[in-house]
Amino acid sequence: SGDQLELTAMVVSVRETHLANIIKAIEN
């Protein structure tokens, strides 16, 4: 139970072009 939830998190980011190529290779 609580009124407010706070979170400290490690945010992981990838270059859009790099990610797009990986996704395309996997989908192919």
PDB file of all heavy atoms in Angstrom:
ATOM      1  N   SER A   1       0.846  -1.192   0.000  1.00  0.00           N
ATOM      2  CA  SER A   1       0.000   0.000   0.000  1.00  0.00           C
ATOM      3  C   SER A   1       0.880   1.241   0.000  1.00  0.00           C
ATOM      4  O   SER A   1       1.925   1.276   0.657  1.00  0.00           O
ATOM      5  CB  SER A   1      -0.912   0.025   1.232  1.00  0.00           C
ATOM      6  OG  SER A   1      -1.783  -1.079   1.224  1.00  0.00           O
ATOM      7  N   GLY A   2       0.433   2.266  -0.726  1.00  0.00           N
ATOM      8  CA  GLY A   2       1.205   3.495  -0.761  1.00  0.00           C
ATOM      9  C   GLY A   2       0.546   4.550  -1.626  1.00  0.00           C
ATOM     10  O   GLY A   2      -0.303   4.248  -2.464  1.00  0.00           O
ATOM     11  N   ASP A   3       0.943   5.801  -1.407  1.00  0.00           N
ATOM     12  CA  ASP A   3       0.435   6.912  -2.209  1.00  0.00           C
ATOM     13  C   ASP A   3       1.334   7.204  -3.410  1.00  0.00           C
ATOM     14  O   ASP A   3       0.863   7.700  -4.435  1.00  0.00           O
ATOM     15  CB  ASP A   3       0.334   8.183  -1.356  1.00  0.00           C
ATOM     16  CG  ASP A   3      -0.734   8.057  -0.281  1.00  0.00           C
ATOM     17  OD1 ASP A   3      -1.863   7.672  -0.632  1.00  0.00           O
ATOM     18  OD2 ASP A   3      -0.425   8.321   0.893  1.00  0.00           O
ATOM     19  N   GLN A   4       2.629   6.915  -3.262  1.00  0.00           N
ATOM     20  CA  GLN A   4       3.562   7.215  -4.350  1.00  0.00           C
ATOM     21  C   GLN A   4       4.604   6.107  -4.495  1.00  0.00           C
ATOM     22  O   GLN A   4       5.120   5.602  -3.503  1.00  0.00           O
ATOM     23  CB  GLN A   4       4.277   8.549  -4.100  1.00  0.00           C
ATOM     24  CG  GLN A   4       5.279   8.923  -5.195  1.00  0.00           C
ATOM     25  CD  GLN A   4       5.809  10.328  -5.042  1.00  0.00           C
ATOM     26  OE1 GLN A   4       5.146  11.296  -5.390  1.00  0.00           O
ATOM     27  NE2 GLN A   4       7.026  10.452  -4.520  1.00  0.00           N
ATOM     28  N   LEU A   5       4.863   5.741  -5.734  1.00  0.00           N
ATOM     29  CA  LEU A   5       5.879   4.740  -6.053  1.00  0.00           C
ATOM     30  C   LEU A   5       7.012   5.428  -6.807  1.00  0.00           C
ATOM     31  O   LEU A   5       6.789   6.089  -7.821  1.00  0.00           O
ATOM     32  CB  LEU A   5       5.277   3.635  -6.920  1.00  0.00           C
ATOM     33  CG  LEU A   5       6.246   2.571  -7.459  1.00  0.00           C
ATOM     34  CD1 LEU A   5       6.841   1.759  -6.316  1.00  0.00           C
ATOM     35  CD2 LEU A   5       5.536   1.661  -8.454  1.00  0.00           C
ATOM     36  N   GLU A   6       8.228   5.292  -6.287  1.00  0.00           N
ATOM     37  CA  GLU A   6       9.408   5.837  -6.959  1.00  0.00           C
ATOM     38  C   GLU A   6      10.323   4.692  -7.382  1.00  0.00           C
ATOM     39  O   GLU A   6      10.360   3.637  -6.740  1.00  0.00           O
ATOM     40  CB  GLU A   6      10.171   6.782  -6.024  1.00  0.00           C
ATOM     41  CG  GLU A   6       9.380   8.009  -5.601  1.00  0.00           C
ATOM     42  CD  GLU A   6      10.141   8.837  -4.581  1.00  0.00           C
ATOM     43  OE1 GLU A   6      11.198   9.383  -4.942  1.00  0.00           O
ATOM     44  OE2 GLU A   6       9.675   8.909  -3.422  1.00  0.00           O
ATOM     45  N   LEU A   7      11.034   4.932  -8.460  1.00  0.00           N
ATOM     46  CA  LEU A   7      11.926   3.902  -8.986  1.00  0.00           C
ATOM     47  C   LEU A   7      13.223   4.520  -9.477  1.00  0.00           C
ATOM     48  O   LEU A   7      13.220   5.535 -10.181  1.00  0.00           O
ATOM     49  CB  LEU A   7      11.253   3.169 -10.152  1.00  0.00           C
ATOM     50  CG  LEU A   7      12.122   2.199 -10.976  1.00  0.00           C
ATOM     51  CD1 LEU A   7      12.628   1.056 -10.107  1.00  0.00           C
ATOM     52  CD2 LEU A   7      11.352   1.666 -12.174  1.00  0.00           C
ATOM     53  N   THR A   8      14.332   3.914  -9.062  1.00  0.00           N
ATOM     54  CA  THR A   8      15.632   4.195  -9.660  1.00  0.00           C
ATOM     55  C   THR A   8      15.962   3.013 -10.553  1.00  0.00           C
ATOM     56  O   THR A   8      15.949   1.870 -10.099  1.00  0.00           O
ATOM     57  CB  THR A   8      16.724   4.360  -8.587  1.00  0.00           C
ATOM     58  OG1 THR A   8      16.375   5.441  -7.729  1.00  0.00           O
ATOM     59  CG2 THR A   8      18.073   4.652  -9.233  1.00  0.00           C
ATOM     60  N   ALA A   9      16.217   3.284 -11.821  1.00  0.00           N
ATOM     61  CA  ALA A   9      16.431   2.196 -12.782  1.00  0.00           C
ATOM     62  C   ALA A   9      17.592   2.494 -13.702  1.00  0.00           C
ATOM     63  O   ALA A   9      17.925   3.660 -13.963  1.00  0.00           O
ATOM     64  CB  ALA A   9      15.156   1.962 -13.606  1.00  0.00           C
ATOM     65  N   MET A  10      18.209   1.417 -14.185  1.00  0.00           N
ATOM     66  CA  MET A  10      19.225   1.551 -15.225  1.00  0.00           C
ATOM     67  C   MET A  10      18.517   1.495 -16.576  1.00  0.00           C
ATOM     68  O   MET A  10      17.903   0.489 -16.928  1.00  0.00           O
ATOM     69  CB  MET A  10      20.269   0.438 -15.148  1.00  0.00           C
ATOM     70  CG  MET A  10      21.259   0.468 -16.306  1.00  0.00           C
ATOM     71  SD  MET A  10      22.507  -0.828 -16.202  1.00  0.00           S
ATOM     72  CE  MET A  10      23.544  -0.151 -14.908  1.00  0.00           C
ATOM     73  N   VAL A  11      18.589   2.581 -17.304  1.00  0.00           N
ATOM     74  CA  VAL A  11      17.952   2.665 -18.614  1.00  0.00           C
ATOM     75  C   VAL A  11      18.963   2.265 -19.686  1.00  0.00           C
ATOM     76  O   VAL A  11      20.077   2.791 -19.742  1.00  0.00           O
ATOM     77  CB  VAL A  11      17.423   4.084 -18.883  1.00  0.00           C
ATOM     78  CG1 VAL A  11      16.830   4.182 -20.288  1.00  0.00           C
ATOM     79  CG2 VAL A  11      16.380   4.449 -17.844  1.00  0.00           C
ATOM     80  N   VAL A  12      18.559   1.306 -20.512  1.00  0.00           N
ATOM     81  CA  VAL A  12      19.439   0.761 -21.546  1.00  0.00           C
ATOM     82  C   VAL A  12      18.966   1.263 -22.915  1.00  0.00           C
ATOM     83  O   VAL A  12      17.805   1.075 -23.282  1.00  0.00           O
ATOM     84  CB  VAL A  12      19.425  -0.786 -21.536  1.00  0.00           C
ATOM     85  CG1 VAL A  12      20.436  -1.339 -22.533  1.00  0.00           C
ATOM     86  CG2 VAL A  12      19.708  -1.313 -20.134  1.00  0.00           C
ATOM     87  N   SER A  13      19.860   1.910 -23.645  1.00  0.00           N
ATOM     88  CA  SER A  13      19.522   2.470 -24.957  1.00  0.00           C
ATOM     89  C   SER A  13      20.463   1.929 -26.029  1.00  0.00           C
ATOM     90  O   SER A  13      21.614   1.573 -25.746  1.00  0.00           O
ATOM     91  CB  SER A  13      19.610   4.000 -24.940  1.00  0.00           C
ATOM     92  OG  SER A  13      18.749   4.546 -23.970  1.00  0.00           O
ATOM     93  N   VAL A  14      19.965   1.881 -27.258  1.00  0.00           N
ATOM     94  CA  VAL A  14      20.737   1.395 -28.406  1.00  0.00           C
ATOM     95  C   VAL A  14      20.549   2.378 -29.560  1.00  0.00           C
ATOM     96  O   VAL A  14      19.473   2.975 -29.710  1.00  0.00           O
ATOM     97  CB  VAL A  14      20.255  -0.005 -28.855  1.00  0.00           C
ATOM     98  CG1 VAL A  14      21.139  -0.540 -29.979  1.00  0.00           C
ATOM     99  CG2 VAL A  14      20.251  -0.964 -27.684  1.00  0.00           C
ATOM    100  N   ARG A  15      21.575   2.538 -30.371  1.00  0.00           N
ATOM    101  CA  ARG A  15      21.446   3.377 -31.558  1.00  0.00           C
ATOM    102  C   ARG A  15      20.323   2.847 -32.441  1.00  0.00           C
ATOM    103  O   ARG A  15      20.233   1.648 -32.700  1.00  0.00           O
ATOM    104  CB  ARG A  15      22.755   3.387 -32.352  1.00  0.00           C
ATOM    105  CG  ARG A  15      23.887   4.139 -31.685  1.00  0.00           C
ATOM    106  CD  ARG A  15      25.089   4.200 -32.609  1.00  0.00           C
ATOM    107  NE  ARG A  15      26.252   4.743 -31.929  1.00  0.00           N
ATOM    108  CZ  ARG A  15      27.450   4.874 -32.505  1.00  0.00           C
ATOM    109  NH1 ARG A  15      27.614   4.484 -33.765  1.00  0.00           N
ATOM    110  NH2 ARG A  15      28.463   5.369 -31.830  1.00  0.00           N
ATOM    111  N   GLU A  16      19.482   3.760 -32.903  1.00  0.00           N
ATOM    112  CA  GLU A  16      18.320   3.364 -33.700  1.00  0.00           C
ATOM    113  C   GLU A  16      18.709   2.557 -34.937  1.00  0.00           C
ATOM    114  O   GLU A  16      18.097   1.531 -35.245  1.00  0.00           O
ATOM    115  CB  GLU A  16      17.531   4.604 -34.127  1.00  0.00           C
ATOM    116  CG  GLU A  16      16.688   5.202 -33.025  1.00  0.00           C
ATOM    117  CD  GLU A  16      15.890   6.393 -33.511  1.00  0.00           C
ATOM    118  OE1 GLU A  16      16.050   6.773 -34.691  1.00  0.00           O
ATOM    119  OE2 GLU A  16      15.117   6.937 -32.715  1.00  0.00           O
ATOM    120  N   THR A  17      19.717   3.024 -35.663  1.00  0.00           N
ATOM    121  CA  THR A  17      20.112   2.331 -36.900  1.00  0.00           C
ATOM    122  C   THR A  17      20.680   0.953 -36.603  1.00  0.00           C
ATOM    123  O   THR A  17      20.398  -0.011 -37.317  1.00  0.00           O
ATOM    124  CB  THR A  17      21.152   3.162 -37.670  1.00  0.00           C
ATOM    125  OG1 THR A  17      22.240   3.516 -36.781  1.00  0.00           O
ATOM    126  CG2 THR A  17      20.536   4.445 -38.200  1.00  0.00           C
ATOM    127  N   HIS A  18      21.462   0.847 -35.536  1.00  0.00           N
ATOM    128  CA  HIS A  18      22.030  -0.442 -35.134  1.00  0.00           C
ATOM    129  C   HIS A  18      20.917  -1.416 -34.772  1.00  0.00           C
ATOM    130  O   HIS A  18      20.901  -2.570 -35.216  1.00  0.00           O
ATOM    131  CB  HIS A  18      22.968  -0.224 -33.952  1.00  0.00           C
ATOM    132  CG  HIS A  18      23.610  -1.464 -33.414  1.00  0.00           C
ATOM    133  ND1 HIS A  18      24.214  -2.405 -34.221  1.00  0.00           N
ATOM    134  CD2 HIS A  18      23.735  -1.929 -32.138  1.00  0.00           C
ATOM    135  CE1 HIS A  18      24.685  -3.390 -33.474  1.00  0.00           C
ATOM    136  NE2 HIS A  18      24.400  -3.123 -32.211  1.00  0.00           N
ATOM    137  N   LEU A  19      19.951  -0.935 -33.992  1.00  0.00           N
ATOM    138  CA  LEU A  19      18.836  -1.782 -33.577  1.00  0.00           C
ATOM    139  C   LEU A  19      17.978  -2.197 -34.772  1.00  0.00           C
ATOM    140  O   LEU A  19      17.551  -3.351 -34.868  1.00  0.00           O
ATOM    141  CB  LEU A  19      17.990  -1.044 -32.543  1.00  0.00           C
ATOM    142  CG  LEU A  19      16.796  -1.805 -31.961  1.00  0.00           C
ATOM    143  CD1 LEU A  19      17.268  -3.056 -31.233  1.00  0.00           C
ATOM    144  CD2 LEU A  19      15.992  -0.912 -31.021  1.00  0.00           C
ATOM    145  N   ALA A  20      17.741  -1.249 -35.687  1.00  0.00           N
ATOM    146  CA  ALA A  20      16.922  -1.555 -36.870  1.00  0.00           C
ATOM    147  C   ALA A  20      17.562  -2.650 -37.713  1.00  0.00           C
ATOM    148  O   ALA A  20      16.867  -3.546 -38.221  1.00  0.00           O
ATOM    149  CB  ALA A  20      16.730  -0.293 -37.708  1.00  0.00           C
ATOM    150  N   ASN A  21      18.881  -2.618 -37.850  1.00  0.00           N
ATOM    151  CA  ASN A  21      19.571  -3.646 -38.631  1.00  0.00           C
ATOM    152  C   ASN A  21      19.514  -5.011 -37.949  1.00  0.00           C
ATOM    153  O   ASN A  21      19.361  -6.046 -38.612  1.00  0.00           O
ATOM    154  CB  ASN A  21      21.032  -3.243 -38.859  1.00  0.00           C
ATOM    155  CG  ASN A  21      21.169  -2.100 -39.849  1.00  0.00           C
ATOM    156  OD1 ASN A  21      20.336  -1.940 -40.740  1.00  0.00           O
ATOM    157  ND2 ASN A  21      22.207  -1.295 -39.686  1.00  0.00           N
ATOM    158  N   ILE A  22      19.623  -5.021 -36.641  1.00  0.00           N
ATOM    159  CA  ILE A  22      19.534  -6.277 -35.891  1.00  0.00           C
ATOM    160  C   ILE A  22      18.137  -6.872 -36.029  1.00  0.00           C
ATOM    161  O   ILE A  22      17.974  -8.076 -36.288  1.00  0.00           O
ATOM    162  CB  ILE A  22      19.887  -6.049 -34.408  1.00  0.00           C
ATOM    163  CG1 ILE A  22      21.397  -5.814 -34.266  1.00  0.00           C
ATOM    164  CG2 ILE A  22      19.462  -7.233 -33.554  1.00  0.00           C
ATOM    165  CD1 ILE A  22      21.836  -5.408 -32.892  1.00  0.00           C
ATOM    166  N   ILE A  23      17.125  -6.039 -35.842  1.00  0.00           N
ATOM    167  CA  ILE A  23      15.745  -6.518 -35.959  1.00  0.00           C
ATOM    168  C   ILE A  23      15.483  -7.072 -37.353  1.00  0.00           C
ATOM    169  O   ILE A  23      14.870  -8.140 -37.515  1.00  0.00           O
ATOM    170  CB  ILE A  23      14.755  -5.385 -35.630  1.00  0.00           C
ATOM    171  CG1 ILE A  23      14.857  -5.021 -34.148  1.00  0.00           C
ATOM    172  CG2 ILE A  23      13.327  -5.783 -35.985  1.00  0.00           C
ATOM    173  CD1 ILE A  23      14.052  -3.808 -33.749  1.00  0.00           C
ATOM    174  N   LYS A  24      15.977  -6.361 -38.373  1.00  0.00           N
ATOM    175  CA  LYS A  24      15.766  -6.814 -39.752  1.00  0.00           C
ATOM    176  C   LYS A  24      16.459  -8.151 -40.001  1.00  0.00           C
ATOM    177  O   LYS A  24      15.892  -9.048 -40.648  1.00  0.00           O
ATOM    178  CB  LYS A  24      16.278  -5.765 -40.733  1.00  0.00           C
ATOM    179  CG  LYS A  24      15.921  -6.074 -42.190  1.00  0.00           C
ATOM    180  CD  LYS A  24      16.290  -4.917 -43.097  1.00  0.00           C
ATOM    181  CE  LYS A  24      15.874  -5.225 -44.547  1.00  0.00           C
ATOM    182  NZ  LYS A  24      16.218  -4.114 -45.466  1.00  0.00           N
ATOM    183  N   ALA A  25      17.688  -8.300 -39.502  1.00  0.00           N
ATOM    184  CA  ALA A  25      18.422  -9.553 -39.688  1.00  0.00           C
ATOM    185  C   ALA A  25      17.690 -10.716 -39.033  1.00  0.00           C
ATOM    186  O   ALA A  25      17.610 -11.818 -39.596  1.00  0.00           O
ATOM    187  CB  ALA A  25      19.837  -9.424 -39.125  1.00  0.00           C
ATOM    188  N   ILE A  26      17.137 -10.489 -37.837  1.00  0.00           N
ATOM    189  CA  ILE A  26      16.419 -11.544 -37.125  1.00  0.00           C
ATOM    190  C   ILE A  26      15.115 -11.873 -37.839  1.00  0.00           C
ATOM    191  O   ILE A  26      14.760 -13.049 -38.023  1.00  0.00           O
ATOM    192  CB  ILE A  26      16.165 -11.116 -35.670  1.00  0.00           C
ATOM    193  CG1 ILE A  26      17.493 -11.050 -34.903  1.00  0.00           C
ATOM    194  CG2 ILE A  26      15.206 -12.082 -34.970  1.00  0.00           C
ATOM    195  CD1 ILE A  26      17.389 -10.445 -33.525  1.00  0.00           C
ATOM    196  N   GLU A  27      14.386 -10.842 -38.260  1.00  0.00           N
ATOM    197  CA  GLU A  27      13.115 -11.078 -38.950  1.00  0.00           C
ATOM    198  C   GLU A  27      13.324 -11.763 -40.296  1.00  0.00           C
ATOM    199  O   GLU A  27      12.503 -12.597 -40.706  1.00  0.00           O
ATOM    200  CB  GLU A  27      12.375  -9.754 -39.125  1.00  0.00           C
ATOM    201  CG  GLU A  27      11.835  -9.200 -37.815  1.00  0.00           C
ATOM    202  CD  GLU A  27      11.103  -7.885 -37.994  1.00  0.00           C
ATOM    203  OE1 GLU A  27      11.266  -7.245 -39.063  1.00  0.00           O
ATOM    204  OE2 GLU A  27      10.381  -7.481 -37.055  1.00  0.00           O
ATOM    205  N   ASN A  28      14.418 -11.423 -40.986  1.00  0.00           N
ATOM    206  CA  ASN A  28      14.728 -12.092 -42.260  1.00  0.00           C
ATOM    207  C   ASN A  28      15.018 -13.571 -42.066  1.00  0.00           C
ATOM    208  O   ASN A  28      14.900 -14.369 -43.006  1.00  0.00           O
ATOM    209  CB  ASN A  28      15.917 -11.418 -42.950  1.00  0.00           C
ATOM    210  CG  ASN A  28      15.548 -10.078 -43.564  1.00  0.00           C
ATOM    211  OD1 ASN A  28      14.384  -9.688 -43.571  1.00  0.00           O
ATOM    212  ND2 ASN A  28      16.535  -9.371 -44.082  1.00  0.00           N
TER     213      ASN A  28
END
